[in-house]
Amino acid sequence: MFGKKTEDNTSPVRSSNSLLHNSLVKGSRLEGNVVSDNDFRIDGEFVGNLNCTARVIIGPTGEFKGEIDCENAIIEGRFNGNLLIRGVLEVREGAVIEGDVETHKLVVQSGSVFDVNCSMGEKKQALPPPVTPSVLSEVENGHIE
């Protein structure tokens, strides 16, 4: 009961992915391809491709040119390229976004520039091609199996 306590230093440290993040600070420039399982914040300049299974944040001083594929994104800075978001894209006041955007949900604040080709919502299976009159006549005549 009043014996000496011993510390167990052999247990692994466990942390949540929400506590882990990557950061490209203002004044830094990164060129290339990056893959990340944790949040990624950009306050510097990034040129290339970013594949992130978490959230991407482009801060007010951040600039990105290239392609981003991520779960969710918040953009306050500049983006030019292709943006694929499986969840929510939040475009904040002061953001400038140009390029192609595909997202499930979109929030755009006033005071931002959103000059893109945008596709929103869940992807549905493609419908079969429509049946044309020439195909119908061939079916009726037994020419198409």
C-alpha atoms as a PDB file:
ATOM      1  CA  MET A   1       0.000   0.000   0.000  1.00  0.00           C
ATOM      2  CA  PHE A   2       2.764   2.461   0.843  1.00  0.00           C
ATOM      3  CA  GLY A   3       5.372   0.771  -1.320  1.00  0.00           C
ATOM      4  CA  LYS A   4       7.560   2.412  -3.920  1.00  0.00           C
ATOM      5  CA  LYS A   5       5.756   3.287  -7.179  1.00  0.00           C
ATOM      6  CA  THR A   6       7.369   2.246 -10.413  1.00  0.00           C
ATOM      7  CA  GLU A   7       6.755   3.897 -13.757  1.00  0.00           C
ATOM      8  CA  ASP A   8       5.983   1.810 -16.787  1.00  0.00           C
ATOM      9  CA  ASN A   9       7.915   3.434 -19.635  1.00  0.00           C
ATOM     10  CA  THR A  10       7.301   0.543 -22.010  1.00  0.00           C
ATOM     11  CA  SER A  11       3.749   1.470 -23.008  1.00  0.00           C
ATOM     12  CA  PRO A  12       3.502   3.158 -26.409  1.00  0.00           C
ATOM     13  CA  VAL A  13       2.388   6.752 -26.624  1.00  0.00           C
ATOM     14  CA  ARG A  14      -0.962   6.940 -28.326  1.00  0.00           C
ATOM     15  CA  SER A  15      -2.260  10.011 -30.018  1.00  0.00           C
ATOM     16  CA  SER A  16      -5.212  10.903 -32.155  1.00  0.00           C
ATOM     17  CA  ASN A  17      -4.767  11.890 -35.802  1.00  0.00           C
ATOM     18  CA  SER A  18      -6.719  15.052 -35.004  1.00  0.00           C
ATOM     19  CA  LEU A  19      -3.811  16.141 -32.797  1.00  0.00           C
ATOM     20  CA  LEU A  20      -1.238  15.523 -35.517  1.00  0.00           C
ATOM     21  CA  HIS A  21      -0.803  17.943 -38.390  1.00  0.00           C
ATOM     22  CA  ASN A  22       1.694  19.120 -40.965  1.00  0.00           C
ATOM     23  CA  SER A  23       2.447  22.779 -41.562  1.00  0.00           C
ATOM     24  CA  LEU A  24       4.149  24.729 -44.335  1.00  0.00           C
ATOM     25  CA  VAL A  25       4.872  28.092 -42.723  1.00  0.00           C
ATOM     26  CA  LYS A  26       4.832  31.548 -44.295  1.00  0.00           C
ATOM     27  CA  GLY A  27       8.055  32.231 -46.192  1.00  0.00           C
ATOM     28  CA  SER A  28       8.549  28.552 -47.123  1.00  0.00           C
ATOM     29  CA  ARG A  29       8.164  27.038 -50.587  1.00  0.00           C
ATOM     30  CA  LEU A  30       7.514  23.358 -51.313  1.00  0.00           C
ATOM     31  CA  GLU A  31       7.593  21.777 -54.763  1.00  0.00           C
ATOM     32  CA  GLY A  32       6.615  18.155 -55.339  1.00  0.00           C
ATOM     33  CA  ASN A  33       4.125  15.483 -54.370  1.00  0.00           C
ATOM     34  CA  VAL A  34       3.030  14.927 -50.777  1.00  0.00           C
ATOM     35  CA  VAL A  35       0.912  12.163 -49.210  1.00  0.00           C
ATOM     36  CA  SER A  36      -0.429  12.700 -45.696  1.00  0.00           C
ATOM     37  CA  ASP A  37      -2.768  10.874 -43.327  1.00  0.00           C
ATOM     38  CA  ASN A  38      -2.992  13.942 -41.052  1.00  0.00           C
ATOM     39  CA  ASP A  39      -4.246  17.513 -41.405  1.00  0.00           C
ATOM     40  CA  PHE A  40      -2.071  19.701 -43.622  1.00  0.00           C
ATOM     41  CA  ARG A  41      -1.890  23.498 -43.208  1.00  0.00           C
ATOM     42  CA  ILE A  42      -0.330  25.702 -45.883  1.00  0.00           C
ATOM     43  CA  ASP A  43       0.710  29.267 -45.036  1.00  0.00           C
ATOM     44  CA  GLY A  44       3.637  29.305 -47.488  1.00  0.00           C
ATOM     45  CA  GLU A  45       3.786  28.375 -51.173  1.00  0.00           C
ATOM     46  CA  PHE A  46       3.118  24.822 -52.397  1.00  0.00           C
ATOM     47  CA  VAL A  47       3.506  23.797 -56.048  1.00  0.00           C
ATOM     48  CA  GLY A  48       2.645  20.189 -56.855  1.00  0.00           C
ATOM     49  CA  ASN A  49       0.180  17.557 -55.699  1.00  0.00           C
ATOM     50  CA  LEU A  50      -1.203  16.852 -52.232  1.00  0.00           C
ATOM     51  CA  ASN A  51      -3.097  13.669 -51.362  1.00  0.00           C
ATOM     52  CA  CYS A  52      -4.449  13.938 -47.818  1.00  0.00           C
ATOM     53  CA  THR A  53      -6.880  11.588 -46.060  1.00  0.00           C
ATOM     54  CA  ALA A  54      -7.689  14.358 -43.571  1.00  0.00           C
ATOM     55  CA  ARG A  55      -8.281  18.128 -43.779  1.00  0.00           C
ATOM     56  CA  VAL A  56      -6.291  20.642 -45.823  1.00  0.00           C
ATOM     57  CA  ILE A  57      -6.174  24.283 -44.729  1.00  0.00           C
ATOM     58  CA  ILE A  58      -4.766  27.009 -46.958  1.00  0.00           C
ATOM     59  CA  GLY A  59      -4.263  29.967 -44.633  1.00  0.00           C
ATOM     60  CA  PRO A  60      -4.593  33.655 -45.598  1.00  0.00           C
ATOM     61  CA  THR A  61      -0.933  33.831 -46.719  1.00  0.00           C
ATOM     62  CA  GLY A  62      -0.975  30.378 -48.340  1.00  0.00           C
ATOM     63  CA  GLU A  63      -0.706  29.755 -52.085  1.00  0.00           C
ATOM     64  CA  PHE A  64      -1.244  26.409 -53.789  1.00  0.00           C
ATOM     65  CA  LYS A  65      -0.759  25.520 -57.468  1.00  0.00           C
ATOM     66  CA  GLY A  66      -1.494  21.962 -58.536  1.00  0.00           C
ATOM     67  CA  GLU A  67      -3.883  19.249 -57.411  1.00  0.00           C
ATOM     68  CA  ILE A  68      -5.353  18.492 -53.989  1.00  0.00           C
ATOM     69  CA  ASP A  69      -7.259  15.310 -53.151  1.00  0.00           C
ATOM     70  CA  CYS A  70      -8.522  15.365 -49.543  1.00  0.00           C
ATOM     71  CA  GLU A  71     -11.385  14.691 -47.155  1.00  0.00           C
ATOM     72  CA  ASN A  72     -12.247  18.314 -46.195  1.00  0.00           C
ATOM     73  CA  ALA A  73     -10.711  21.701 -46.993  1.00  0.00           C
ATOM     74  CA  ILE A  74     -10.762  25.257 -45.703  1.00  0.00           C
ATOM     75  CA  ILE A  75      -9.345  27.868 -48.060  1.00  0.00           C
ATOM     76  CA  GLU A  76      -8.525  31.420 -47.010  1.00  0.00           C
ATOM     77  CA  GLY A  77      -5.593  32.036 -49.381  1.00  0.00           C
ATOM     78  CA  ARG A  78      -5.005  31.363 -53.087  1.00  0.00           C
ATOM     79  CA  PHE A  79      -5.612  28.103 -54.963  1.00  0.00           C
ATOM     80  CA  ASN A  80      -5.108  27.372 -58.659  1.00  0.00           C
ATOM     81  CA  GLY A  81      -5.609  23.865 -60.047  1.00  0.00           C
ATOM     82  CA  ASN A  82      -7.756  20.791 -59.461  1.00  0.00           C
ATOM     83  CA  LEU A  83      -9.485  20.248 -56.139  1.00  0.00           C
ATOM     84  CA  LEU A  84     -11.177  16.946 -55.203  1.00  0.00           C
ATOM     85  CA  ILE A  85     -12.957  17.032 -51.824  1.00  0.00           C
ATOM     86  CA  ARG A  86     -14.855  13.994 -50.532  1.00  0.00           C
ATOM     87  CA  GLY A  87     -16.533  15.983 -47.743  1.00  0.00           C
ATOM     88  CA  VAL A  88     -16.917  19.755 -47.277  1.00  0.00           C
ATOM     89  CA  LEU A  89     -15.089  22.587 -49.022  1.00  0.00           C
ATOM     90  CA  GLU A  90     -15.235  25.863 -47.092  1.00  0.00           C
ATOM     91  CA  VAL A  91     -14.172  28.965 -49.032  1.00  0.00           C
ATOM     92  CA  ARG A  92     -13.602  31.834 -46.623  1.00  0.00           C
ATOM     93  CA  GLU A  93     -13.609  35.589 -47.148  1.00  0.00           C
ATOM     94  CA  GLY A  94     -10.484  36.708 -49.010  1.00  0.00           C
ATOM     95  CA  ALA A  95      -9.900  33.365 -50.729  1.00  0.00           C
ATOM     96  CA  VAL A  96      -9.182  33.232 -54.469  1.00  0.00           C
ATOM     97  CA  ILE A  97      -9.894  29.875 -56.110  1.00  0.00           C
ATOM     98  CA  GLU A  98      -9.410  29.146 -59.808  1.00  0.00           C
ATOM     99  CA  GLY A  99      -9.587  25.818 -61.621  1.00  0.00           C
ATOM    100  CA  ASP A 100     -11.743  22.701 -61.343  1.00  0.00           C
ATOM    101  CA  VAL A 101     -13.523  21.694 -58.138  1.00  0.00           C
ATOM    102  CA  GLU A 102     -15.329  18.478 -57.258  1.00  0.00           C
ATOM    103  CA  THR A 103     -16.852  18.375 -53.766  1.00  0.00           C
ATOM    104  CA  HIS A 104     -19.685  16.765 -51.855  1.00  0.00           C
ATOM    105  CA  LYS A 105     -20.700  19.971 -50.001  1.00  0.00           C
ATOM    106  CA  LEU A 106     -19.708  23.600 -50.510  1.00  0.00           C
ATOM    107  CA  VAL A 107     -19.732  26.715 -48.300  1.00  0.00           C
ATOM    108  CA  VAL A 108     -18.650  29.997 -49.934  1.00  0.00           C
ATOM    109  CA  GLN A 109     -18.410  33.201 -47.892  1.00  0.00           C
ATOM    110  CA  SER A 110     -18.944  36.611 -49.442  1.00  0.00           C
ATOM    111  CA  GLY A 111     -15.756  38.473 -50.268  1.00  0.00           C
ATOM    112  CA  SER A 112     -14.137  35.429 -51.863  1.00  0.00           C
ATOM    113  CA  VAL A 113     -13.400  34.749 -55.528  1.00  0.00           C
ATOM    114  CA  PHE A 114     -14.672  31.355 -56.726  1.00  0.00           C
ATOM    115  CA  ASP A 115     -13.864  31.192 -60.464  1.00  0.00           C
ATOM    116  CA  VAL A 116     -14.107  27.444 -61.159  1.00  0.00           C
ATOM    117  CA  ASN A 117     -15.819  24.630 -62.975  1.00  0.00           C
ATOM    118  CA  CYS A 118     -17.622  22.993 -60.055  1.00  0.00           C
ATOM    119  CA  SER A 119     -19.259  19.598 -59.630  1.00  0.00           C
ATOM    120  CA  MET A 120     -21.144  19.024 -56.373  1.00  0.00           C
ATOM    121  CA  GLY A 121     -22.940  16.208 -54.606  1.00  0.00           C
ATOM    122  CA  GLU A 122     -22.668  12.460 -54.470  1.00  0.00           C
ATOM    123  CA  LYS A 123     -21.635  10.682 -57.616  1.00  0.00           C
ATOM    124  CA  LYS A 124     -24.397   8.535 -59.065  1.00  0.00           C
ATOM    125  CA  GLN A 125     -23.947   5.577 -61.344  1.00  0.00           C
ATOM    126  CA  ALA A 126     -24.083   6.512 -64.984  1.00  0.00           C
ATOM    127  CA  LEU A 127     -27.389   5.774 -66.669  1.00  0.00           C
ATOM    128  CA  PRO A 128     -27.400   3.454 -69.663  1.00  0.00           C
ATOM    129  CA  PRO A 129     -27.410   5.240 -73.017  1.00  0.00           C
ATOM    130  CA  PRO A 130     -30.872   6.186 -74.286  1.00  0.00           C
ATOM    131  CA  VAL A 131     -32.575   3.824 -76.688  1.00  0.00           C
ATOM    132  CA  THR A 132     -32.815   5.400 -80.127  1.00  0.00           C
ATOM    133  CA  PRO A 133     -35.480   4.590 -82.746  1.00  0.00           C
ATOM    134  CA  SER A 134     -32.916   2.748 -84.916  1.00  0.00           C
ATOM    135  CA  VAL A 135     -31.990   0.474 -81.997  1.00  0.00           C
ATOM    136  CA  LEU A 136     -35.680  -0.209 -81.305  1.00  0.00           C
ATOM    137  CA  SER A 137     -36.341  -1.234 -84.928  1.00  0.00           C
ATOM    138  CA  GLU A 138     -33.307  -3.561 -84.889  1.00  0.00           C
ATOM    139  CA  VAL A 139     -34.539  -5.171 -81.646  1.00  0.00           C
ATOM    140  CA  GLU A 140     -38.041  -5.614 -83.079  1.00  0.00           C
ATOM    141  CA  ASN A 141     -36.594  -7.220 -86.228  1.00  0.00           C
ATOM    142  CA  GLY A 142     -34.470  -9.593 -84.131  1.00  0.00           C
ATOM    143  CA  HIS A 143     -31.116  -8.199 -85.257  1.00  0.00           C
ATOM    144  CA  ILE A 144     -29.826  -7.333 -81.779  1.00  0.00           C
ATOM    145  CA  GLU A 145     -29.456  -9.941 -79.104  1.00  0.00           C
END
